[in-house]
Structures are given as C-alpha cells and as structure tokens.
N, C-alpha and C. Protein backbone atom coordinates (compact mmCIF):
# COMPACT_ATOMS: atom_id res chain seq x y z
N MET A 1 -12.65 32.60 52.87
CA MET A 1 -12.85 31.24 52.46
C MET A 1 -13.79 31.16 51.26
N ASN A 2 -14.83 31.97 51.23
CA ASN A 2 -15.75 31.97 50.10
C ASN A 2 -15.06 32.43 48.82
N TYR A 3 -14.17 33.40 48.96
CA TYR A 3 -13.44 33.91 47.80
C TYR A 3 -12.57 32.81 47.20
N LEU A 4 -11.93 32.00 48.05
CA LEU A 4 -11.10 30.89 47.58
C LEU A 4 -11.94 29.85 46.84
N ASN A 5 -13.12 29.53 47.34
CA ASN A 5 -14.02 28.58 46.66
C ASN A 5 -14.45 29.11 45.29
N ILE A 6 -14.72 30.39 45.21
CA ILE A 6 -15.13 30.99 43.94
C ILE A 6 -14.00 30.88 42.93
N LEU A 7 -12.76 31.16 43.35
CA LEU A 7 -11.62 31.05 42.46
C LEU A 7 -11.39 29.61 41.99
N LEU A 8 -11.53 28.65 42.91
CA LEU A 8 -11.33 27.26 42.55
C LEU A 8 -12.41 26.78 41.58
N ASN A 9 -13.65 27.19 41.79
CA ASN A 9 -14.73 26.81 40.88
C ASN A 9 -14.53 27.45 39.50
N ALA A 10 -14.04 28.68 39.47
CA ALA A 10 -13.80 29.36 38.20
C ALA A 10 -12.72 28.63 37.41
N GLN A 11 -11.69 28.16 38.08
CA GLN A 11 -10.64 27.41 37.40
C GLN A 11 -11.17 26.08 36.88
N GLY A 12 -12.06 25.43 37.60
CA GLY A 12 -12.65 24.17 37.16
C GLY A 12 -13.46 24.37 35.91
N ASP A 13 -14.21 25.43 35.78
CA ASP A 13 -14.99 25.71 34.59
C ASP A 13 -14.08 25.99 33.39
N THR A 14 -13.01 26.71 33.62
CA THR A 14 -12.06 27.01 32.55
C THR A 14 -11.40 25.73 32.07
N SER A 15 -11.10 24.83 32.98
CA SER A 15 -10.50 23.56 32.61
C SER A 15 -11.46 22.73 31.75
N ALA A 16 -12.73 22.75 32.08
CA ALA A 16 -13.72 22.01 31.29
C ALA A 16 -13.82 22.59 29.88
N TYR A 17 -13.85 23.90 29.78
CA TYR A 17 -13.92 24.54 28.46
C TYR A 17 -12.66 24.26 27.65
N SER A 18 -11.52 24.32 28.32
CA SER A 18 -10.27 24.09 27.58
C SER A 18 -10.17 22.65 27.10
N SER A 19 -10.66 21.69 27.88
CA SER A 19 -10.61 20.30 27.41
C SER A 19 -11.59 20.07 26.27
N ILE A 20 -12.73 20.75 26.28
CA ILE A 20 -13.67 20.64 25.16
C ILE A 20 -13.05 21.24 23.90
N ILE A 21 -12.41 22.39 24.04
CA ILE A 21 -11.74 23.04 22.90
C ILE A 21 -10.62 22.14 22.37
N MET A 22 -9.89 21.51 23.28
CA MET A 22 -8.79 20.62 22.88
C MET A 22 -9.33 19.42 22.11
N MET A 23 -10.44 18.85 22.54
CA MET A 23 -11.03 17.71 21.84
C MET A 23 -11.50 18.12 20.43
N VAL A 24 -12.10 19.31 20.32
CA VAL A 24 -12.54 19.81 19.02
C VAL A 24 -11.34 20.00 18.11
N LEU A 25 -10.24 20.53 18.62
CA LEU A 25 -9.03 20.71 17.82
C LEU A 25 -8.46 19.37 17.35
N ILE A 26 -8.48 18.38 18.21
CA ILE A 26 -7.96 17.06 17.83
C ILE A 26 -8.81 16.46 16.72
N VAL A 27 -10.13 16.58 16.82
CA VAL A 27 -11.01 16.06 15.78
C VAL A 27 -10.77 16.82 14.47
N ALA A 28 -10.60 18.13 14.54
CA ALA A 28 -10.34 18.92 13.33
C ALA A 28 -9.02 18.52 12.69
N ILE A 29 -7.99 18.28 13.49
CA ILE A 29 -6.70 17.87 12.96
C ILE A 29 -6.81 16.51 12.27
N PHE A 30 -7.50 15.56 12.92
CA PHE A 30 -7.70 14.26 12.29
C PHE A 30 -8.46 14.41 10.97
N TYR A 31 -9.47 15.25 10.93
CA TYR A 31 -10.26 15.41 9.71
C TYR A 31 -9.41 15.97 8.58
N PHE A 32 -8.69 17.08 8.84
CA PHE A 32 -7.95 17.74 7.77
C PHE A 32 -6.67 17.03 7.36
N PHE A 33 -6.07 16.25 8.25
CA PHE A 33 -4.81 15.60 7.89
C PHE A 33 -4.94 14.12 7.58
N MET A 34 -6.07 13.49 7.93
CA MET A 34 -6.20 12.06 7.68
C MET A 34 -7.45 11.70 6.88
N ILE A 35 -8.60 12.15 7.31
CA ILE A 35 -9.85 11.72 6.70
C ILE A 35 -10.07 12.39 5.35
N ARG A 36 -9.92 13.70 5.28
CA ARG A 36 -10.19 14.44 4.05
C ARG A 36 -9.26 14.03 2.90
N PRO A 37 -7.94 13.92 3.12
CA PRO A 37 -7.08 13.48 2.01
C PRO A 37 -7.42 12.06 1.53
N GLN A 38 -7.80 11.19 2.45
CA GLN A 38 -8.14 9.83 2.06
C GLN A 38 -9.41 9.80 1.20
N THR A 39 -10.41 10.60 1.56
CA THR A 39 -11.63 10.63 0.75
C THR A 39 -11.37 11.24 -0.63
N LYS A 40 -10.50 12.24 -0.70
CA LYS A 40 -10.14 12.81 -2.00
C LYS A 40 -9.44 11.78 -2.87
N LYS A 41 -8.56 11.00 -2.26
CA LYS A 41 -7.85 9.97 -2.99
C LYS A 41 -8.81 8.89 -3.49
N GLN A 42 -9.76 8.49 -2.66
CA GLN A 42 -10.75 7.49 -3.05
C GLN A 42 -11.62 7.99 -4.21
N LYS A 43 -11.98 9.28 -4.18
CA LYS A 43 -12.77 9.86 -5.27
C LYS A 43 -11.98 9.87 -6.57
N ALA A 44 -10.68 10.16 -6.49
CA ALA A 44 -9.84 10.16 -7.69
C ALA A 44 -9.72 8.76 -8.28
N ILE A 45 -9.58 7.75 -7.43
CA ILE A 45 -9.50 6.37 -7.90
C ILE A 45 -10.81 5.96 -8.55
N GLN A 46 -11.94 6.33 -7.92
CA GLN A 46 -13.25 6.00 -8.48
C GLN A 46 -13.46 6.68 -9.83
N LYS A 47 -13.02 7.93 -9.94
CA LYS A 47 -13.13 8.66 -11.20
C LYS A 47 -12.30 7.98 -12.30
N PHE A 48 -11.10 7.51 -11.95
CA PHE A 48 -10.26 6.80 -12.91
C PHE A 48 -10.94 5.53 -13.39
N ARG A 49 -11.51 4.77 -12.45
CA ARG A 49 -12.16 3.51 -12.83
C ARG A 49 -13.37 3.74 -13.72
N GLU A 50 -14.10 4.82 -13.48
CA GLU A 50 -15.26 5.12 -14.32
C GLU A 50 -14.83 5.54 -15.73
N GLY A 51 -13.68 6.19 -15.85
CA GLY A 51 -13.20 6.66 -17.14
C GLY A 51 -12.26 5.69 -17.83
N LEU A 52 -12.16 4.48 -17.33
CA LEU A 52 -11.26 3.48 -17.86
C LEU A 52 -11.66 3.11 -19.29
N GLN A 53 -10.66 3.06 -20.18
CA GLN A 53 -10.91 2.73 -21.58
C GLN A 53 -9.90 1.70 -22.05
N ALA A 54 -10.23 1.05 -23.13
CA ALA A 54 -9.31 0.07 -23.71
C ALA A 54 -8.03 0.79 -24.13
N GLY A 55 -6.89 0.19 -23.82
CA GLY A 55 -5.60 0.78 -24.16
C GLY A 55 -4.92 1.48 -22.99
N ASP A 56 -5.64 1.74 -21.92
CA ASP A 56 -5.04 2.38 -20.74
C ASP A 56 -4.09 1.41 -20.04
N LYS A 57 -2.98 1.96 -19.55
CA LYS A 57 -2.05 1.14 -18.78
C LYS A 57 -2.52 1.15 -17.33
N VAL A 58 -2.53 -0.04 -16.72
CA VAL A 58 -3.03 -0.18 -15.36
C VAL A 58 -2.11 -1.10 -14.55
N VAL A 59 -2.31 -1.04 -13.24
CA VAL A 59 -1.65 -1.94 -12.31
C VAL A 59 -2.74 -2.55 -11.45
N THR A 60 -2.72 -3.88 -11.29
CA THR A 60 -3.72 -4.52 -10.45
C THR A 60 -3.31 -4.42 -8.99
N ALA A 61 -4.22 -4.78 -8.12
CA ALA A 61 -3.93 -4.76 -6.68
C ALA A 61 -2.81 -5.74 -6.34
N GLY A 62 -2.63 -6.77 -7.15
CA GLY A 62 -1.55 -7.74 -6.94
C GLY A 62 -0.22 -7.30 -7.50
N GLY A 63 -0.19 -6.16 -8.18
CA GLY A 63 1.06 -5.63 -8.70
C GLY A 63 1.34 -6.01 -10.14
N ILE A 64 0.38 -6.53 -10.85
CA ILE A 64 0.56 -6.93 -12.25
C ILE A 64 0.32 -5.73 -13.15
N HIS A 65 1.29 -5.43 -14.00
CA HIS A 65 1.18 -4.31 -14.93
C HIS A 65 0.66 -4.83 -16.27
N GLY A 66 -0.19 -4.03 -16.91
CA GLY A 66 -0.71 -4.44 -18.20
C GLY A 66 -1.52 -3.35 -18.85
N LYS A 67 -2.13 -3.70 -19.99
CA LYS A 67 -2.98 -2.77 -20.73
C LYS A 67 -4.40 -3.31 -20.75
N VAL A 68 -5.35 -2.41 -20.65
CA VAL A 68 -6.75 -2.80 -20.69
C VAL A 68 -7.11 -3.15 -22.13
N ARG A 69 -7.71 -4.32 -22.33
CA ARG A 69 -8.15 -4.73 -23.65
C ARG A 69 -9.66 -4.67 -23.79
N ASP A 70 -10.40 -4.98 -22.73
CA ASP A 70 -11.85 -4.98 -22.79
C ASP A 70 -12.40 -4.67 -21.41
N ILE A 71 -13.55 -4.01 -21.37
CA ILE A 71 -14.19 -3.66 -20.11
C ILE A 71 -15.63 -4.15 -20.15
N LYS A 72 -16.00 -4.92 -19.16
CA LYS A 72 -17.37 -5.37 -19.01
C LYS A 72 -17.92 -4.73 -17.73
N ASP A 73 -19.04 -5.19 -17.23
CA ASP A 73 -19.67 -4.55 -16.07
C ASP A 73 -18.69 -4.32 -14.92
N ASN A 74 -18.26 -5.38 -14.28
CA ASN A 74 -17.33 -5.27 -13.16
C ASN A 74 -16.03 -6.00 -13.41
N VAL A 75 -15.78 -6.37 -14.66
CA VAL A 75 -14.59 -7.13 -15.01
C VAL A 75 -13.80 -6.38 -16.07
N VAL A 76 -12.49 -6.40 -15.91
CA VAL A 76 -11.60 -5.77 -16.88
C VAL A 76 -10.67 -6.86 -17.41
N ILE A 77 -10.54 -6.92 -18.73
CA ILE A 77 -9.60 -7.86 -19.35
C ILE A 77 -8.29 -7.10 -19.54
N VAL A 78 -7.23 -7.58 -18.88
CA VAL A 78 -5.93 -6.91 -18.91
C VAL A 78 -4.95 -7.81 -19.65
N GLU A 79 -4.26 -7.23 -20.64
CA GLU A 79 -3.23 -7.97 -21.37
C GLU A 79 -1.89 -7.69 -20.69
N ILE A 80 -1.27 -8.76 -20.18
CA ILE A 80 -0.01 -8.59 -19.44
C ILE A 80 1.20 -8.95 -20.30
N ALA A 81 0.99 -9.66 -21.36
CA ALA A 81 2.03 -9.98 -22.34
C ALA A 81 1.31 -10.24 -23.66
N GLU A 82 2.07 -10.44 -24.72
CA GLU A 82 1.44 -10.67 -26.01
C GLU A 82 0.61 -11.96 -25.97
N ASN A 83 -0.68 -11.80 -26.26
CA ASN A 83 -1.66 -12.90 -26.24
C ASN A 83 -1.82 -13.56 -24.88
N VAL A 84 -1.50 -12.86 -23.81
CA VAL A 84 -1.74 -13.35 -22.45
C VAL A 84 -2.67 -12.35 -21.78
N ARG A 85 -3.91 -12.79 -21.54
CA ARG A 85 -4.91 -11.89 -20.97
C ARG A 85 -5.48 -12.50 -19.70
N ILE A 86 -5.76 -11.63 -18.74
CA ILE A 86 -6.36 -12.07 -17.49
C ILE A 86 -7.61 -11.24 -17.20
N ARG A 87 -8.55 -11.86 -16.50
CA ARG A 87 -9.76 -11.15 -16.07
C ARG A 87 -9.52 -10.67 -14.65
N VAL A 88 -9.78 -9.39 -14.42
CA VAL A 88 -9.54 -8.79 -13.11
C VAL A 88 -10.78 -8.01 -12.72
N ASP A 89 -11.13 -8.06 -11.44
CA ASP A 89 -12.24 -7.26 -10.95
C ASP A 89 -11.90 -5.78 -11.08
N LYS A 90 -12.87 -5.01 -11.48
CA LYS A 90 -12.65 -3.58 -11.72
C LYS A 90 -12.20 -2.84 -10.46
N ALA A 91 -12.60 -3.33 -9.30
CA ALA A 91 -12.24 -2.67 -8.04
C ALA A 91 -10.76 -2.84 -7.69
N SER A 92 -10.08 -3.77 -8.36
CA SER A 92 -8.66 -3.99 -8.04
C SER A 92 -7.73 -3.45 -9.11
N VAL A 93 -8.22 -2.50 -9.90
CA VAL A 93 -7.41 -1.90 -10.97
C VAL A 93 -7.10 -0.46 -10.61
N PHE A 94 -5.83 -0.08 -10.75
CA PHE A 94 -5.37 1.27 -10.44
C PHE A 94 -4.59 1.82 -11.63
N ALA A 95 -4.44 3.13 -11.68
CA ALA A 95 -3.66 3.76 -12.75
C ALA A 95 -2.19 3.41 -12.55
N SER A 96 -1.49 3.17 -13.65
CA SER A 96 -0.06 2.91 -13.55
C SER A 96 0.66 4.22 -13.24
N ALA A 97 1.89 4.13 -12.80
CA ALA A 97 2.67 5.32 -12.45
C ALA A 97 2.85 6.22 -13.66
N GLU A 98 3.04 5.63 -14.83
CA GLU A 98 3.23 6.41 -16.05
C GLU A 98 1.96 7.19 -16.39
N GLU A 99 0.80 6.54 -16.27
CA GLU A 99 -0.47 7.19 -16.59
C GLU A 99 -0.79 8.30 -15.59
N SER A 100 -0.52 8.06 -14.31
CA SER A 100 -0.88 9.05 -13.30
C SER A 100 0.01 10.30 -13.41
N GLN A 101 1.23 10.16 -13.92
CA GLN A 101 2.09 11.32 -14.10
C GLN A 101 1.64 12.17 -15.28
N GLN A 102 1.03 11.54 -16.28
CA GLN A 102 0.59 12.27 -17.46
C GLN A 102 -0.71 13.01 -17.21
N GLN A 103 -1.58 12.48 -16.32
CA GLN A 103 -2.87 13.10 -16.07
C GLN A 103 -2.71 14.28 -15.13
N PRO A 104 -3.43 15.39 -15.35
CA PRO A 104 -3.37 16.52 -14.42
C PRO A 104 -4.03 16.15 -13.11
N LYS A 105 -3.45 16.64 -12.02
CA LYS A 105 -3.98 16.32 -10.70
C LYS A 105 -5.01 17.29 -10.22
C-alpha cells in the first residue's frame, strides 16, 4: 500500500511540472508569434513617422491617399488633390503601399 501511495504522489508531482512547462510554452508561443511581431511593426511605423519629409506619399488612418506638403509638431499637411490640402494628426499617417515596397525592410 505504501508503494502505491509513493507512485501516485510521484505522478502528481510530474503532472504539476508538466503543467508549469506547458504554461511557459504557451507564453513563449504568444510572445514569439503575436507580441514580438506587433512591437516590431509599431517600431517600423514610428521610425517612418520620424523620418517623414515633404513629398512623401502617405495614407491616413481614414484611407485618404496624398502627398506630404508640410510637417509641423504633431500635424501633417497632406495634399490630396491639386490645391486641396488637409491637416492630419501625425499619429494617423502611414506609408503608402508604393512607398513601403520601395523601402528596404
């Protein structure tokens, strides 16, 4: 009877270790497949916004395509048609598909 109790307790300890290992694996999978790529993408967007210059083609968060005409502190003046300019917050400006294909990744 004592031998059976020892075996059952040993299996319980192994189960606890295996569930801890499983939780660590799940956290690692989430980090490498979800969190890390998202932070890399955010850093790339931030780098683009810091390097924004007049003449760059951009897309706003609302989907408006245009060219940057002027950059102020947190505001970007985007020309969407000839002599049609809008003020857009810098945080809502992204690289256009054409620009992102030309830049090395």
